[in-house]
N, C-alpha and C. Protein backbone atom coordinates (compact mmCIF):
# COMPACT_ATOMS: atom_id res chain seq x y z
N MET A 1 32.06 -4.52 62.33
CA MET A 1 32.13 -5.82 61.72
C MET A 1 30.72 -6.37 61.44
N LEU A 2 29.84 -6.21 62.40
CA LEU A 2 28.45 -6.65 62.24
C LEU A 2 27.81 -5.92 61.07
N ASN A 3 28.20 -4.69 60.92
CA ASN A 3 27.69 -3.89 59.81
C ASN A 3 28.13 -4.47 58.47
N GLN A 4 29.35 -4.96 58.40
CA GLN A 4 29.86 -5.55 57.17
C GLN A 4 29.12 -6.84 56.82
N LEU A 5 28.68 -7.58 57.83
CA LEU A 5 27.95 -8.83 57.59
C LEU A 5 26.51 -8.57 57.18
N THR A 6 25.88 -7.57 57.76
CA THR A 6 24.47 -7.30 57.47
C THR A 6 24.28 -6.45 56.21
N SER A 7 25.32 -5.75 55.82
CA SER A 7 25.21 -4.88 54.65
C SER A 7 24.85 -5.66 53.37
N PRO A 8 25.50 -6.77 53.05
CA PRO A 8 25.10 -7.54 51.86
C PRO A 8 23.68 -8.09 51.98
N ALA A 9 23.30 -8.48 53.16
CA ALA A 9 21.95 -9.01 53.37
C ALA A 9 20.93 -7.91 53.12
N LYS A 10 21.22 -6.68 53.57
CA LYS A 10 20.32 -5.55 53.33
C LYS A 10 20.23 -5.26 51.82
N ALA A 11 21.37 -5.34 51.13
CA ALA A 11 21.39 -5.09 49.68
C ALA A 11 20.55 -6.15 48.95
N VAL A 12 20.68 -7.41 49.37
CA VAL A 12 19.90 -8.48 48.76
C VAL A 12 18.42 -8.25 49.01
N LEU A 13 18.07 -7.86 50.24
CA LEU A 13 16.68 -7.58 50.59
C LEU A 13 16.14 -6.42 49.76
N GLU A 14 16.93 -5.38 49.58
CA GLU A 14 16.52 -4.23 48.77
C GLU A 14 16.32 -4.65 47.31
N ASN A 15 17.26 -5.46 46.79
CA ASN A 15 17.12 -5.96 45.42
C ASN A 15 15.86 -6.82 45.27
N MET A 16 15.57 -7.62 46.27
CA MET A 16 14.37 -8.46 46.22
C MET A 16 13.11 -7.58 46.20
N ARG A 17 13.13 -6.50 46.97
CA ARG A 17 11.99 -5.58 46.97
C ARG A 17 11.84 -4.93 45.57
N ASN A 18 12.98 -4.55 44.97
CA ASN A 18 12.94 -3.98 43.62
C ASN A 18 12.40 -4.99 42.61
N VAL A 19 12.86 -6.23 42.73
CA VAL A 19 12.38 -7.29 41.84
C VAL A 19 10.88 -7.50 42.04
N GLU A 20 10.46 -7.48 43.29
CA GLU A 20 9.04 -7.65 43.59
C GLU A 20 8.21 -6.52 42.97
N ALA A 21 8.71 -5.30 43.01
CA ALA A 21 8.02 -4.17 42.41
C ALA A 21 7.95 -4.32 40.89
N VAL A 22 9.05 -4.77 40.29
CA VAL A 22 9.07 -4.98 38.85
C VAL A 22 8.09 -6.09 38.46
N ILE A 23 8.05 -7.16 39.24
CA ILE A 23 7.12 -8.26 38.97
C ILE A 23 5.68 -7.77 39.10
N ALA A 24 5.41 -6.94 40.09
CA ALA A 24 4.05 -6.41 40.25
C ALA A 24 3.66 -5.56 39.04
N LYS A 25 4.60 -4.73 38.57
CA LYS A 25 4.32 -3.92 37.38
C LYS A 25 4.10 -4.81 36.15
N ALA A 26 4.95 -5.83 36.02
CA ALA A 26 4.83 -6.74 34.88
C ALA A 26 3.51 -7.49 34.93
N THR A 27 3.10 -7.91 36.11
CA THR A 27 1.82 -8.60 36.27
C THR A 27 0.67 -7.69 35.89
N GLY A 28 0.76 -6.43 36.30
CA GLY A 28 -0.27 -5.46 35.92
C GLY A 28 -0.30 -5.25 34.42
N ALA A 29 0.87 -5.20 33.79
CA ALA A 29 0.94 -5.02 32.34
C ALA A 29 0.36 -6.24 31.62
N VAL A 30 0.64 -7.43 32.13
CA VAL A 30 0.10 -8.65 31.53
C VAL A 30 -1.42 -8.66 31.67
N ASP A 31 -1.92 -8.29 32.83
CA ASP A 31 -3.38 -8.24 33.02
C ASP A 31 -4.00 -7.25 32.05
N GLN A 32 -3.39 -6.09 31.92
CA GLN A 32 -3.91 -5.06 31.01
C GLN A 32 -3.85 -5.56 29.56
N SER A 33 -2.76 -6.23 29.21
CA SER A 33 -2.63 -6.79 27.85
C SER A 33 -3.72 -7.82 27.59
N GLY A 34 -4.01 -8.63 28.60
CA GLY A 34 -5.07 -9.63 28.46
C GLY A 34 -6.42 -8.97 28.20
N LYS A 35 -6.67 -7.87 28.88
CA LYS A 35 -7.93 -7.13 28.66
C LYS A 35 -7.98 -6.55 27.25
N VAL A 36 -6.84 -6.00 26.81
CA VAL A 36 -6.79 -5.43 25.46
C VAL A 36 -7.01 -6.52 24.41
N VAL A 37 -6.40 -7.67 24.61
CA VAL A 37 -6.57 -8.78 23.68
C VAL A 37 -8.04 -9.22 23.66
N GLY A 38 -8.66 -9.27 24.84
CA GLY A 38 -10.08 -9.62 24.91
C GLY A 38 -10.95 -8.66 24.13
N VAL A 39 -10.67 -7.37 24.27
CA VAL A 39 -11.42 -6.35 23.53
C VAL A 39 -11.17 -6.51 22.03
N ALA A 40 -9.92 -6.78 21.65
CA ALA A 40 -9.59 -6.95 20.24
C ALA A 40 -10.31 -8.17 19.65
N VAL A 41 -10.36 -9.25 20.41
CA VAL A 41 -11.06 -10.46 19.94
C VAL A 41 -12.54 -10.16 19.75
N GLU A 42 -13.15 -9.46 20.68
CA GLU A 42 -14.56 -9.10 20.55
C GLU A 42 -14.78 -8.20 19.33
N ALA A 43 -13.87 -7.25 19.12
CA ALA A 43 -13.99 -6.37 17.96
C ALA A 43 -13.86 -7.17 16.67
N MET A 44 -12.96 -8.15 16.65
CA MET A 44 -12.80 -8.98 15.46
C MET A 44 -14.06 -9.80 15.20
N LYS A 45 -14.69 -10.27 16.27
CA LYS A 45 -15.95 -11.00 16.10
C LYS A 45 -17.01 -10.09 15.49
N GLU A 46 -17.05 -8.85 15.93
CA GLU A 46 -18.01 -7.89 15.38
C GLU A 46 -17.70 -7.60 13.92
N CYS A 47 -16.41 -7.54 13.58
CA CYS A 47 -16.02 -7.28 12.19
C CYS A 47 -16.36 -8.46 11.30
N ASP A 48 -16.56 -9.61 11.88
CA ASP A 48 -16.86 -10.80 11.11
C ASP A 48 -18.28 -10.77 10.56
N ARG A 49 -19.16 -10.04 11.20
CA ARG A 49 -20.55 -10.00 10.75
C ARG A 49 -20.75 -9.20 9.47
N PRO A 50 -20.25 -7.97 9.38
CA PRO A 50 -20.54 -7.17 8.19
C PRO A 50 -20.20 -7.80 6.85
N PRO A 51 -19.10 -8.57 6.70
CA PRO A 51 -18.87 -9.15 5.38
C PRO A 51 -20.05 -9.98 4.88
N GLY A 52 -20.69 -10.72 5.78
CA GLY A 52 -21.87 -11.49 5.38
C GLY A 52 -23.00 -10.59 4.92
N GLU A 53 -23.18 -9.49 5.64
CA GLU A 53 -24.21 -8.54 5.26
C GLU A 53 -23.86 -7.87 3.93
N ILE A 54 -22.60 -7.53 3.77
CA ILE A 54 -22.16 -6.90 2.52
C ILE A 54 -22.33 -7.87 1.36
N LEU A 55 -22.03 -9.14 1.58
CA LEU A 55 -22.20 -10.12 0.51
C LEU A 55 -23.66 -10.25 0.11
N ARG A 56 -24.57 -10.15 1.08
CA ARG A 56 -26.01 -10.18 0.74
C ARG A 56 -26.37 -8.97 -0.12
N ILE A 57 -25.82 -7.82 0.21
CA ILE A 57 -26.09 -6.61 -0.56
C ILE A 57 -25.53 -6.74 -1.98
N THR A 58 -24.31 -7.29 -2.08
CA THR A 58 -23.74 -7.46 -3.42
C THR A 58 -24.56 -8.45 -4.23
N ASP A 59 -25.15 -9.45 -3.58
CA ASP A 59 -26.02 -10.38 -4.30
C ASP A 59 -27.25 -9.66 -4.85
N VAL A 60 -27.79 -8.71 -4.07
CA VAL A 60 -28.93 -7.92 -4.55
C VAL A 60 -28.50 -7.07 -5.75
N ILE A 61 -27.32 -6.47 -5.68
CA ILE A 61 -26.82 -5.65 -6.79
C ILE A 61 -26.65 -6.52 -8.04
N LYS A 62 -26.09 -7.73 -7.85
CA LYS A 62 -25.94 -8.64 -8.99
C LYS A 62 -27.30 -8.98 -9.59
N CYS A 63 -28.26 -9.25 -8.73
CA CYS A 63 -29.61 -9.59 -9.20
C CYS A 63 -30.21 -8.44 -10.00
N ILE A 64 -30.06 -7.23 -9.50
CA ILE A 64 -30.58 -6.06 -10.22
C ILE A 64 -29.89 -5.90 -11.56
N SER A 65 -28.56 -6.10 -11.57
CA SER A 65 -27.84 -5.93 -12.84
C SER A 65 -28.25 -7.01 -13.84
N PHE A 66 -28.49 -8.23 -13.36
CA PHE A 66 -28.95 -9.29 -14.26
C PHE A 66 -30.34 -8.97 -14.83
N GLN A 67 -31.18 -8.32 -14.01
CA GLN A 67 -32.51 -7.95 -14.47
C GLN A 67 -32.46 -6.74 -15.40
N ALA A 68 -31.47 -5.87 -15.22
CA ALA A 68 -31.37 -4.67 -16.05
C ALA A 68 -30.94 -5.01 -17.47
N ASN A 69 -30.14 -6.04 -17.62
CA ASN A 69 -29.68 -6.42 -18.97
C ASN A 69 -30.84 -6.78 -19.90
N PRO A 70 -31.79 -7.63 -19.51
CA PRO A 70 -32.92 -7.90 -20.40
C PRO A 70 -33.77 -6.65 -20.66
N LEU A 71 -33.86 -5.78 -19.66
CA LEU A 71 -34.61 -4.54 -19.88
C LEU A 71 -33.94 -3.69 -20.97
N ALA A 72 -32.63 -3.62 -20.91
CA ALA A 72 -31.89 -2.87 -21.92
C ALA A 72 -32.06 -3.53 -23.29
N LEU A 73 -32.04 -4.85 -23.32
CA LEU A 73 -32.23 -5.57 -24.58
C LEU A 73 -33.62 -5.30 -25.15
N ASN A 74 -34.65 -5.36 -24.28
CA ASN A 74 -36.02 -5.07 -24.73
C ASN A 74 -36.15 -3.64 -25.23
N THR A 75 -35.47 -2.73 -24.55
CA THR A 75 -35.51 -1.33 -24.99
C THR A 75 -34.85 -1.21 -26.35
N GLY A 76 -33.77 -1.94 -26.56
CA GLY A 76 -33.11 -1.95 -27.86
C GLY A 76 -34.02 -2.46 -28.96
N LEU A 77 -34.82 -3.47 -28.65
CA LEU A 77 -35.77 -3.99 -29.65
C LEU A 77 -36.85 -2.96 -29.98
N GLU A 78 -37.30 -2.25 -28.95
CA GLU A 78 -38.30 -1.20 -29.18
C GLU A 78 -37.71 -0.06 -30.00
N VAL A 79 -36.44 0.23 -29.78
CA VAL A 79 -35.75 1.26 -30.56
C VAL A 79 -35.75 0.87 -32.03
N ALA A 80 -35.47 -0.39 -32.29
CA ALA A 80 -35.43 -0.86 -33.68
C ALA A 80 -36.81 -0.69 -34.34
N ARG A 81 -37.85 -0.95 -33.58
CA ARG A 81 -39.21 -0.79 -34.12
C ARG A 81 -39.56 0.67 -34.35
N ALA A 82 -39.03 1.54 -33.49
CA ALA A 82 -39.39 2.96 -33.56
C ALA A 82 -38.64 3.69 -34.66
N GLY A 83 -37.58 3.11 -35.13
CA GLY A 83 -36.82 3.76 -36.19
C GLY A 83 -36.11 5.00 -35.68
N ASP A 84 -36.13 6.07 -36.49
CA ASP A 84 -35.43 7.31 -36.12
C ASP A 84 -35.99 7.93 -34.85
N ALA A 85 -37.27 7.74 -34.60
CA ALA A 85 -37.89 8.33 -33.42
C ALA A 85 -37.39 7.68 -32.13
N GLY A 86 -36.78 6.53 -32.26
CA GLY A 86 -36.31 5.81 -31.07
C GLY A 86 -34.88 6.09 -30.67
N TYR A 87 -34.27 7.11 -31.28
CA TYR A 87 -32.86 7.40 -30.99
C TYR A 87 -32.62 7.64 -29.50
N CYS A 88 -33.48 8.42 -28.86
CA CYS A 88 -33.30 8.72 -27.43
C CYS A 88 -33.38 7.44 -26.60
N PHE A 89 -34.27 6.53 -27.02
CA PHE A 89 -34.38 5.26 -26.30
C PHE A 89 -33.11 4.43 -26.47
N ALA A 90 -32.49 4.54 -27.63
CA ALA A 90 -31.24 3.81 -27.86
C ALA A 90 -30.15 4.29 -26.91
N VAL A 91 -30.10 5.59 -26.70
CA VAL A 91 -29.11 6.14 -25.76
C VAL A 91 -29.39 5.62 -24.35
N VAL A 92 -30.66 5.63 -23.96
CA VAL A 92 -31.04 5.15 -22.63
C VAL A 92 -30.71 3.66 -22.50
N ALA A 93 -31.03 2.88 -23.51
CA ALA A 93 -30.75 1.44 -23.47
C ALA A 93 -29.25 1.19 -23.30
N SER A 94 -28.45 1.95 -24.02
CA SER A 94 -27.00 1.80 -23.92
C SER A 94 -26.51 2.14 -22.52
N LYS A 95 -27.05 3.22 -21.97
CA LYS A 95 -26.65 3.63 -20.61
C LYS A 95 -27.07 2.59 -19.58
N VAL A 96 -28.28 2.04 -19.73
CA VAL A 96 -28.76 1.02 -18.79
C VAL A 96 -27.89 -0.22 -18.87
N ARG A 97 -27.53 -0.62 -20.08
CA ARG A 97 -26.67 -1.79 -20.27
C ARG A 97 -25.31 -1.55 -19.61
N THR A 98 -24.74 -0.37 -19.81
CA THR A 98 -23.44 -0.03 -19.21
C THR A 98 -23.54 0.00 -17.69
N LEU A 99 -24.61 0.60 -17.18
CA LEU A 99 -24.82 0.65 -15.73
C LEU A 99 -24.96 -0.75 -15.15
N ALA A 100 -25.70 -1.60 -15.82
CA ALA A 100 -25.87 -2.98 -15.34
C ALA A 100 -24.53 -3.71 -15.30
N GLN A 101 -23.73 -3.55 -16.35
CA GLN A 101 -22.43 -4.23 -16.40
C GLN A 101 -21.49 -3.69 -15.33
N ASN A 102 -21.47 -2.37 -15.16
CA ASN A 102 -20.61 -1.77 -14.13
C ASN A 102 -21.04 -2.21 -12.73
N SER A 103 -22.34 -2.29 -12.50
CA SER A 103 -22.85 -2.73 -11.20
C SER A 103 -22.45 -4.17 -10.93
N LEU A 104 -22.59 -5.01 -11.95
CA LEU A 104 -22.20 -6.41 -11.79
C LEU A 104 -20.71 -6.52 -11.51
N ASN A 105 -19.90 -5.81 -12.25
CA ASN A 105 -18.44 -5.85 -12.03
C ASN A 105 -18.08 -5.38 -10.63
N ALA A 106 -18.72 -4.31 -10.17
CA ALA A 106 -18.43 -3.80 -8.81
C ALA A 106 -18.85 -4.81 -7.76
N ALA A 107 -20.01 -5.42 -7.92
CA ALA A 107 -20.48 -6.42 -6.95
C ALA A 107 -19.53 -7.61 -6.90
N LEU A 108 -19.09 -8.07 -8.06
CA LEU A 108 -18.16 -9.20 -8.10
C LEU A 108 -16.81 -8.84 -7.48
N GLU A 109 -16.36 -7.61 -7.71
CA GLU A 109 -15.09 -7.17 -7.12
C GLU A 109 -15.19 -7.08 -5.60
N ILE A 110 -16.28 -6.54 -5.11
CA ILE A 110 -16.49 -6.44 -3.66
C ILE A 110 -16.52 -7.84 -3.05
N LYS A 111 -17.26 -8.74 -3.69
CA LYS A 111 -17.35 -10.11 -3.19
C LYS A 111 -15.97 -10.76 -3.15
N SER A 112 -15.18 -10.54 -4.19
CA SER A 112 -13.83 -11.09 -4.25
C SER A 112 -12.95 -10.52 -3.14
N LEU A 113 -13.03 -9.22 -2.93
CA LEU A 113 -12.22 -8.59 -1.88
C LEU A 113 -12.59 -9.14 -0.51
N ILE A 114 -13.87 -9.31 -0.27
CA ILE A 114 -14.32 -9.84 1.03
C ILE A 114 -13.86 -11.29 1.18
N SER A 115 -13.99 -12.08 0.13
CA SER A 115 -13.56 -13.48 0.20
C SER A 115 -12.07 -13.56 0.46
N ASN A 116 -11.28 -12.75 -0.24
CA ASN A 116 -9.83 -12.75 -0.03
C ASN A 116 -9.48 -12.27 1.36
N GLY A 117 -10.17 -11.24 1.85
CA GLY A 117 -9.92 -10.73 3.19
C GLY A 117 -10.26 -11.75 4.25
N SER A 118 -11.38 -12.46 4.05
CA SER A 118 -11.79 -13.48 5.02
C SER A 118 -10.81 -14.64 5.05
N SER A 119 -10.31 -15.04 3.89
CA SER A 119 -9.37 -16.15 3.86
C SER A 119 -8.03 -15.76 4.46
N GLN A 120 -7.63 -14.50 4.32
CA GLN A 120 -6.37 -14.05 4.90
C GLN A 120 -6.49 -13.86 6.41
N ALA A 121 -7.70 -13.57 6.89
CA ALA A 121 -7.89 -13.34 8.32
C ALA A 121 -7.86 -14.65 9.10
N THR A 122 -8.12 -15.76 8.41
CA THR A 122 -8.15 -17.03 9.12
C THR A 122 -6.86 -17.77 9.03
């Protein structure tokens, strides 16, 4: 009879020990998750720096492309003065103009992508 009375109490005690073990595991998992989140936040802070650096680089590319356009124009004027002998310069001027425009377009696209990415991240 005593066994019948203590048996439920033993079962409750065993269940409590199981619950305690589960809580300990859950607490460990929460602690580990907190550490992972901390590392992720630090990584995100590090990722925040390069867009600024990339934007500075794209500004340099834009500046170069803006400077290349007048050079191509000046080369075109020299081609006109040189007549038939300036044909090779005309090809170079055209290529420089195309390169300048492509560089400018790429820099603007990169800047746009970074701006859109930064606005979506916040």
